C-alpha atoms as a PDB file:
ATOM      1  CA  MET A   1      -3.153   6.608 -49.625  1.00  0.00           C
ATOM      2  CA  ALA A   2       0.257   4.994 -48.450  1.00  0.00           C
ATOM      3  CA  ALA A   3      -1.647   3.211 -45.476  1.00  0.00           C
ATOM      4  CA  LEU A   4      -4.272   1.875 -48.007  1.00  0.00           C
ATOM      5  CA  THR A   5      -1.473   0.548 -50.285  1.00  0.00           C
ATOM      6  CA  VAL A   6       0.487  -1.206 -47.587  1.00  0.00           C
ATOM      7  CA  SER A   7      -2.788  -2.577 -46.137  1.00  0.00           C
ATOM      8  CA  CYS A   8      -3.825  -3.951 -49.401  1.00  0.00           C
ATOM      9  CA  ALA A   9      -0.395  -5.382 -49.888  1.00  0.00           C
ATOM     10  CA  LEU A  10      -0.363  -7.164 -46.519  1.00  0.00           C
ATOM     11  CA  VAL A  11      -3.730  -8.573 -47.287  1.00  0.00           C
ATOM     12  CA  THR A  12      -2.836 -10.108 -50.483  1.00  0.00           C
ATOM     13  CA  ALA A  13       0.493 -11.635 -48.935  1.00  0.00           C
ATOM     14  CA  MET A  14      -1.613 -13.107 -46.078  1.00  0.00           C
ATOM     15  CA  VAL A  15      -4.176 -14.602 -48.408  1.00  0.00           C
ATOM     16  CA  TRP A  16      -1.500 -15.730 -50.677  1.00  0.00           C
ATOM     17  CA  LEU A  17       0.395 -17.726 -47.757  1.00  0.00           C
ATOM     18  CA  THR A  18      -2.752 -18.978 -45.948  1.00  0.00           C
ATOM     19  CA  GLY A  19      -5.015 -19.788 -48.820  1.00  0.00           C
ATOM     20  CA  LEU A  20      -2.955 -21.338 -51.659  1.00  0.00           C
ATOM     21  CA  SER A  21      -2.115 -24.407 -49.673  1.00  0.00           C
ATOM     22  CA  ARG A  22      -5.845 -25.259 -49.292  1.00  0.00           C
ATOM     23  CA  VAL A  23      -6.764 -24.923 -52.768  1.00  0.00           C
ATOM     24  CA  PRO A  24      -7.157 -28.464 -54.308  1.00  0.00           C
ATOM     25  CA  GLU A  25      -5.383 -29.295 -57.381  1.00  0.00           C
ATOM     26  CA  PRO A  26      -7.087 -29.603 -60.398  1.00  0.00           C
ATOM     27  CA  ALA A  27      -8.195 -32.835 -62.030  1.00  0.00           C
ATOM     28  CA  ASP A  28      -8.521 -32.306 -65.827  1.00  0.00           C
ATOM     29  CA  GLY A  29      -6.408 -34.552 -67.531  1.00  0.00           C
ATOM     30  CA  ASP A  30      -2.805 -34.870 -68.277  1.00  0.00           C
ATOM     31  CA  ASP A  31      -2.178 -31.066 -68.461  1.00  0.00           C
ATOM     32  CA  SER A  32      -2.815 -30.637 -64.750  1.00  0.00           C
ATOM     33  CA  GLU A  33      -0.143 -33.413 -63.926  1.00  0.00           C
ATOM     34  CA  VAL A  34       2.685 -30.990 -65.007  1.00  0.00           C
ATOM     35  CA  LYS A  35       1.536 -27.911 -63.549  1.00  0.00           C
ATOM     36  CA  VAL A  36       3.252 -26.034 -60.553  1.00  0.00           C
ATOM     37  CA  PRO A  37       1.469 -27.168 -57.397  1.00  0.00           C
ATOM     38  CA  TYR A  38      -0.488 -24.392 -55.887  1.00  0.00           C
ATOM     39  CA  ALA A  39       0.964 -25.355 -52.410  1.00  0.00           C
ATOM     40  CA  ALA A  40       4.542 -25.002 -53.700  1.00  0.00           C
ATOM     41  CA  LEU A  41       3.901 -21.123 -54.323  1.00  0.00           C
ATOM     42  CA  ALA A  42       2.947 -20.654 -50.845  1.00  0.00           C
ATOM     43  CA  ARG A  43       6.151 -19.227 -49.696  1.00  0.00           C
ATOM     44  CA  PRO A  44       7.199 -15.971 -48.392  1.00  0.00           C
ATOM     45  CA  ARG A  45       9.605 -14.811 -51.165  1.00  0.00           C
ATOM     46  CA  VAL A  46       6.608 -15.544 -53.672  1.00  0.00           C
ATOM     47  CA  ALA A  47       4.089 -13.729 -51.422  1.00  0.00           C
ATOM     48  CA  ALA A  48       6.334 -10.646 -51.257  1.00  0.00           C
ATOM     49  CA  LEU A  49       6.575 -10.502 -54.939  1.00  0.00           C
ATOM     50  CA  VAL A  50       2.893 -10.784 -55.448  1.00  0.00           C
ATOM     51  CA  ALA A  51       2.402  -8.191 -52.552  1.00  0.00           C
ATOM     52  CA  VAL A  52       4.526  -5.706 -54.606  1.00  0.00           C
ATOM     53  CA  PHE A  53       2.307  -6.079 -57.609  1.00  0.00           C
ATOM     54  CA  SER A  54      -0.820  -5.552 -55.242  1.00  0.00           C
ATOM     55  CA  ALA A  55       0.783  -2.254 -53.685  1.00  0.00           C
ATOM     56  CA  ALA A  56       1.258  -1.122 -57.393  1.00  0.00           C
ATOM     57  CA  ALA A  57      -2.252  -1.775 -58.342  1.00  0.00           C
ATOM     58  CA  THR A  58      -3.707  -0.450 -55.376  1.00  0.00           C
ATOM     59  CA  TRP A  59      -1.795   2.945 -55.561  1.00  0.00           C
ATOM     60  CA  ILE A  60      -2.775   3.404 -59.249  1.00  0.00           C
ATOM     61  CA  ALA A  61      -6.460   2.633 -58.306  1.00  0.00           C
ATOM     62  CA  ALA A  62      -6.306   5.129 -55.473  1.00  0.00           C
ATOM     63  CA  SER A  63      -4.727   7.685 -57.506  1.00  0.00           C
ATOM     64  CA  HIS A  64      -6.736   7.507 -60.715  1.00  0.00           C
ATOM     65  CA  VAL A  65     -10.171   6.037 -59.700  1.00  0.00           C
ATOM     66  CA  PRO A  66     -12.981   8.102 -58.325  1.00  0.00           C
ATOM     67  CA  VAL A  67     -13.454   7.259 -54.652  1.00  0.00           C
ATOM     68  CA  ALA A  68     -17.259   6.102 -55.034  1.00  0.00           C
ATOM     69  CA  ALA A  69     -15.844   3.566 -57.269  1.00  0.00           C
ATOM     70  CA  LEU A  70     -12.946   2.374 -55.140  1.00  0.00           C
ATOM     71  CA  PRO A  71     -14.037  -0.414 -53.307  1.00  0.00           C
ATOM     72  CA  PRO A  72     -14.571  -2.958 -56.198  1.00  0.00           C
ATOM     73  CA  TRP A  73     -11.025  -1.805 -57.448  1.00  0.00           C
ATOM     74  CA  LEU A  74      -9.503  -2.770 -54.117  1.00  0.00           C
ATOM     75  CA  VAL A  75     -10.744  -6.243 -54.527  1.00  0.00           C
ATOM     76  CA  LEU A  76      -9.248  -6.420 -58.167  1.00  0.00           C
ATOM     77  CA  SER A  77      -5.876  -4.971 -56.731  1.00  0.00           C
ATOM     78  CA  THR A  78      -5.806  -7.844 -53.829  1.00  0.00           C
ATOM     79  CA  LEU A  79      -7.672 -10.882 -54.551  1.00  0.00           C
ATOM     80  CA  GLY A  80      -7.743 -10.091 -58.338  1.00  0.00           C
ATOM     81  CA  VAL A  81      -3.999  -9.559 -58.592  1.00  0.00           C
ATOM     82  CA  ALA A  82      -3.347 -12.748 -56.262  1.00  0.00           C
ATOM     83  CA  LEU A  83      -5.536 -14.847 -58.850  1.00  0.00           C
ATOM     84  CA  ALA A  84      -3.727 -13.354 -61.683  1.00  0.00           C
ATOM     85  CA  ALA A  85      -0.461 -14.240 -60.138  1.00  0.00           C
ATOM     86  CA  VAL A  86      -1.609 -17.691 -59.555  1.00  0.00           C
ATOM     87  CA  ASP A  87      -2.591 -17.973 -63.440  1.00  0.00           C
ATOM     88  CA  GLY A  88       0.908 -16.334 -64.215  1.00  0.00           C
ATOM     89  CA  PHE A  89       2.773 -19.173 -62.272  1.00  0.00           C
ATOM     90  CA  THR A  90       0.638 -22.164 -63.149  1.00  0.00           C
ATOM     91  CA  THR A  91      -1.817 -21.193 -65.976  1.00  0.00           C
ATOM     92  CA  TRP A  92      -4.624 -22.703 -63.847  1.00  0.00           C
ATOM     93  CA  ILE A  93      -6.995 -20.121 -62.191  1.00  0.00           C
ATOM     94  CA  PRO A  94      -8.590 -22.086 -59.161  1.00  0.00           C
ATOM     95  CA  ALA A  95     -12.490 -21.948 -59.637  1.00  0.00           C
ATOM     96  CA  GLY A  96     -13.423 -21.863 -55.962  1.00  0.00           C
ATOM     97  CA  PRO A  97     -11.419 -18.666 -55.061  1.00  0.00           C
ATOM     98  CA  THR A  98     -12.567 -17.030 -58.313  1.00  0.00           C
ATOM     99  CA  ARG A  99     -16.286 -17.556 -57.090  1.00  0.00           C
ATOM    100  CA  TRP A 100     -15.804 -16.275 -53.790  1.00  0.00           C
ATOM    101  CA  THR A 101     -14.067 -13.117 -55.166  1.00  0.00           C
ATOM    102  CA  TRP A 102     -17.280 -12.695 -57.410  1.00  0.00           C
ATOM    103  CA  LEU A 103     -19.134 -12.576 -54.014  1.00  0.00           C
ATOM    104  CA  ILE A 104     -16.833 -10.221 -52.294  1.00  0.00           C
ATOM    105  CA  MET A 105     -16.658  -7.989 -55.642  1.00  0.00           C
ATOM    106  CA  THR A 106     -20.432  -7.961 -55.568  1.00  0.00           C
ATOM    107  CA  ALA A 107     -20.322  -6.738 -51.770  1.00  0.00           C
ATOM    108  CA  ALA A 108     -17.772  -3.978 -52.616  1.00  0.00           C
ATOM    109  CA  GLY A 109     -20.057  -2.739 -55.322  1.00  0.00           C
ATOM    110  CA  ALA A 110     -22.776  -2.557 -52.736  1.00  0.00           C
ATOM    111  CA  GLY A 111     -20.352  -0.867 -50.164  1.00  0.00           C
ATOM    112  CA  ALA A 112     -19.548   1.758 -52.916  1.00  0.00           C
ATOM    113  CA  LEU A 113     -23.009   3.022 -52.416  1.00  0.00           C
ATOM    114  CA  LEU A 114     -21.946   4.218 -49.126  1.00  0.00           C
ATOM    115  CA  LEU A 115     -19.051   6.228 -50.761  1.00  0.00           C
ATOM    116  CA  GLY A 116     -21.410   8.046 -53.148  1.00  0.00           C
ATOM    117  CA  ALA A 117     -21.956   5.719 -56.130  1.00  0.00           C
ATOM    118  CA  SER A 118     -25.394   5.408 -57.439  1.00  0.00           C
ATOM    119  CA  TRP A 119     -27.544   2.609 -58.515  1.00  0.00           C
ATOM    120  CA  THR A 120     -26.691   3.285 -61.953  1.00  0.00           C
ATOM    121  CA  ASP A 121     -23.329   2.734 -61.292  1.00  0.00           C
ATOM    122  CA  LEU A 122     -23.808  -0.418 -59.645  1.00  0.00           C
ATOM    123  CA  LEU A 123     -26.141  -1.657 -62.417  1.00  0.00           C
ATOM    124  CA  ARG A 124     -23.525  -0.565 -65.127  1.00  0.00           C
ATOM    125  CA  MET A 125     -20.862  -2.603 -62.852  1.00  0.00           C
ATOM    126  CA  VAL A 126     -23.207  -5.849 -63.097  1.00  0.00           C
ATOM    127  CA  VAL A 127     -24.254  -5.614 -66.594  1.00  0.00           C
ATOM    128  CA  GLY A 128     -20.380  -4.765 -67.630  1.00  0.00           C
ATOM    129  CA  ALA A 129     -19.208  -7.891 -65.509  1.00  0.00           C
ATOM    130  CA  ALA A 130     -21.987 -10.336 -67.235  1.00  0.00           C
ATOM    131  CA  THR A 131     -21.573  -8.808 -70.765  1.00  0.00           C
ATOM    132  CA  ALA A 132     -17.674  -9.687 -70.582  1.00  0.00           C
ATOM    133  CA  GLY A 133     -18.303 -12.904 -68.943  1.00  0.00           C
ATOM    134  CA  LEU A 134     -20.775 -13.859 -71.739  1.00  0.00           C
ATOM    135  CA  LEU A 135     -18.520 -12.401 -74.456  1.00  0.00           C
ATOM    136  CA  TYR A 136     -15.506 -14.790 -73.359  1.00  0.00           C
ATOM    137  CA  LEU A 137     -17.974 -17.644 -72.709  1.00  0.00           C
ATOM    138  CA  GLY A 138     -18.739 -17.089 -76.501  1.00  0.00           C
ATOM    139  CA  LEU A 139     -15.107 -17.055 -77.630  1.00  0.00           C
ATOM    140  CA  TRP A 140     -14.388 -19.919 -75.595  1.00  0.00           C
ATOM    141  CA  VAL A 141     -17.200 -22.010 -77.214  1.00  0.00           C
ATOM    142  CA  SER A 142     -16.271 -20.588 -80.620  1.00  0.00           C
ATOM    143  CA  THR A 143     -12.702 -21.502 -80.217  1.00  0.00           C
ATOM    144  CA  ARG A 144     -13.517 -24.908 -78.953  1.00  0.00           C
ATOM    145  CA  GLY A 145     -11.739 -24.124 -75.632  1.00  0.00           C
ATOM    146  CA  GLY A 146      -8.812 -22.162 -77.088  1.00  0.00           C
ATOM    147  CA  PHE A 147      -8.087 -20.758 -74.166  1.00  0.00           C
ATOM    148  CA  GLY A 148      -8.474 -21.967 -70.499  1.00  0.00           C
ATOM    149  CA  PHE A 149     -12.199 -21.595 -68.853  1.00  0.00           C
ATOM    150  CA  GLY A 150     -10.617 -20.138 -65.932  1.00  0.00           C
ATOM    151  CA  ASP A 151     -10.145 -16.765 -68.120  1.00  0.00           C
ATOM    152  CA  VAL A 152     -14.065 -16.854 -68.616  1.00  0.00           C
ATOM    153  CA  ARG A 153     -14.737 -16.948 -65.020  1.00  0.00           C
ATOM    154  CA  PHE A 154     -11.967 -14.336 -64.386  1.00  0.00           C
ATOM    155  CA  VAL A 155     -12.744 -11.572 -66.840  1.00  0.00           C
ATOM    156  CA  PRO A 156     -15.937 -10.241 -64.735  1.00  0.00           C
ATOM    157  CA  LEU A 157     -13.732  -9.593 -61.980  1.00  0.00           C
ATOM    158  CA  VAL A 158     -11.856  -7.112 -64.283  1.00  0.00           C
ATOM    159  CA  ALA A 159     -14.990  -5.784 -65.981  1.00  0.00           C
ATOM    160  CA  ALA A 160     -16.772  -4.918 -62.917  1.00  0.00           C
ATOM    161  CA  PRO A 161     -14.372  -2.414 -61.425  1.00  0.00           C
ATOM    162  CA  THR A 162     -13.748  -0.903 -64.610  1.00  0.00           C
ATOM    163  CA  ALA A 163     -17.703  -0.533 -65.790  1.00  0.00           C
ATOM    164  CA  ALA A 164     -18.318   0.941 -62.176  1.00  0.00           C
ATOM    165  CA  VAL A 165     -16.424   3.803 -63.413  1.00  0.00           C
ATOM    166  CA  SER A 166     -17.616   4.049 -66.970  1.00  0.00           C
ATOM    167  CA  VAL A 167     -18.262   2.076 -70.114  1.00  0.00           C
ATOM    168  CA  ASP A 168     -15.347   3.857 -71.791  1.00  0.00           C
ATOM    169  CA  LEU A 169     -13.133   2.509 -69.332  1.00  0.00           C
ATOM    170  CA  LEU A 170     -14.306  -1.023 -69.324  1.00  0.00           C
ATOM    171  CA  LEU A 171     -13.930  -1.016 -73.283  1.00  0.00           C
ATOM    172  CA  ALA A 172     -10.378   0.332 -72.698  1.00  0.00           C
ATOM    173  CA  ALA A 173      -9.448  -2.121 -70.167  1.00  0.00           C
ATOM    174  CA  LEU A 174     -10.599  -5.149 -72.188  1.00  0.00           C
ATOM    175  CA  LEU A 175      -9.033  -3.661 -75.378  1.00  0.00           C
ATOM    176  CA  THR A 176      -5.714  -3.100 -73.486  1.00  0.00           C
ATOM    177  CA  GLY A 177      -5.582  -6.353 -71.904  1.00  0.00           C
ATOM    178  CA  THR A 178      -6.423  -7.904 -75.174  1.00  0.00           C
ATOM    179  CA  VAL A 179      -3.312  -6.094 -76.971  1.00  0.00           C
ATOM    180  CA  LEU A 180      -1.081  -6.967 -74.040  1.00  0.00           C
ATOM    181  CA  ALA A 181      -2.023 -10.472 -74.169  1.00  0.00           C
ATOM    182  CA  LEU A 182      -1.332 -10.757 -77.986  1.00  0.00           C
ATOM    183  CA  VAL A 183       2.037  -8.933 -77.378  1.00  0.00           C
ATOM    184  CA  HIS A 184       2.669 -11.833 -74.762  1.00  0.00           C
ATOM    185  CA  GLY A 185       1.809 -14.445 -77.078  1.00  0.00           C
ATOM    186  CA  VAL A 186       4.032 -13.218 -79.743  1.00  0.00           C
ATOM    187  CA  TRP A 187       6.978 -13.054 -77.216  1.00  0.00           C
ATOM    188  CA  ARG A 188       6.087 -16.857 -76.259  1.00  0.00           C
ATOM    189  CA  HIS A 189       5.972 -17.837 -79.908  1.00  0.00           C
ATOM    190  CA  VAL A 190       9.395 -15.804 -80.511  1.00  0.00           C
ATOM    191  CA  THR A 191      11.189 -17.637 -77.483  1.00  0.00           C
ATOM    192  CA  ARG A 192       9.333 -21.008 -78.215  1.00  0.00           C
ATOM    193  CA  ARG A 193       7.480 -21.189 -74.857  1.00  0.00           C
ATOM    194  CA  SER A 194       5.270 -24.486 -74.745  1.00  0.00           C
ATOM    195  CA  GLY A 195       1.864 -24.758 -72.757  1.00  0.00           C
ATOM    196  CA  TRP A 196      -0.825 -22.500 -71.998  1.00  0.00           C
ATOM    197  CA  GLN A 197      -0.614 -18.869 -72.197  1.00  0.00           C
ATOM    198  CA  PRO A 198      -1.998 -17.184 -68.958  1.00  0.00           C
ATOM    199  CA  TRP A 199      -4.370 -14.345 -69.718  1.00  0.00           C
ATOM    200  CA  ALA A 200      -5.335 -13.156 -66.330  1.00  0.00           C
ATOM    201  CA  PRO A 201      -2.033 -11.319 -65.869  1.00  0.00           C
ATOM    202  CA  THR A 202      -2.276  -9.222 -68.963  1.00  0.00           C
ATOM    203  CA  LEU A 203      -6.337  -8.765 -68.436  1.00  0.00           C
ATOM    204  CA  THR A 204      -5.432  -7.364 -65.284  1.00  0.00           C
ATOM    205  CA  LEU A 205      -2.616  -5.193 -65.962  1.00  0.00           C
ATOM    206  CA  GLY A 206      -4.795  -3.809 -69.076  1.00  0.00           C
ATOM    207  CA  ALA A 207      -7.331  -2.578 -66.359  1.00  0.00           C
ATOM    208  CA  PHE A 208      -4.912  -0.463 -64.319  1.00  0.00           C
ATOM    209  CA  VAL A 209      -2.973   0.783 -67.527  1.00  0.00           C
ATOM    210  CA  ALA A 210      -6.410   1.989 -68.745  1.00  0.00           C
ATOM    211  CA  ALA A 211      -7.256   3.422 -65.438  1.00  0.00           C
ATOM    212  CA  ALA A 212      -3.951   5.256 -65.245  1.00  0.00           C
ATOM    213  CA  ALA A 213      -4.137   6.553 -68.965  1.00  0.00           C
ATOM    214  CA  MET A 214      -7.802   7.621 -68.668  1.00  0.00           C
ATOM    215  CA  ALA A 215      -7.761   9.531 -65.468  1.00  0.00           C
END
């Protein structure tokens, strides 16, 4: 478990340092002009911080998730944590890397079959991810863009690994992530924070909190 944790942390740090500087900046209006540039985050100190979060997430997953469902969780604990960190620092989740992570998550789901997962588990993972994405899309439309569309793209990355374990864990993860987001929102209001609220960090944290609580 220690080797897996360290390996995932190193992968996350390498992706952070080598990938962020290549991500194009958004061109979606005035808000994008005041965001922290992606390339400015590609520093060793920031990478080390993100790697620590990745290590903690990997440790929780390896300790509490069935082995057959572990591959998609490792994608969430590495690339998912990195994307959530980008959102936390910039409030902008880049679309390209998110879509690549979808593909890697899909491959991880298929790889889980080699570890004993069933086709039913894989189907539940796909349906859970699609359902969560559609739910957030409906919320995004009904609130007229009340939160960033990047969150709509991101939520399937949280839903897929949790649904691979069970529907109960999927629901618990989404509920926990939403509650944490509301608490964060209240804190931002009390402290008079301006700008968009990043949702990906609390959604991701919700998945690992729910996994640890329901183990």
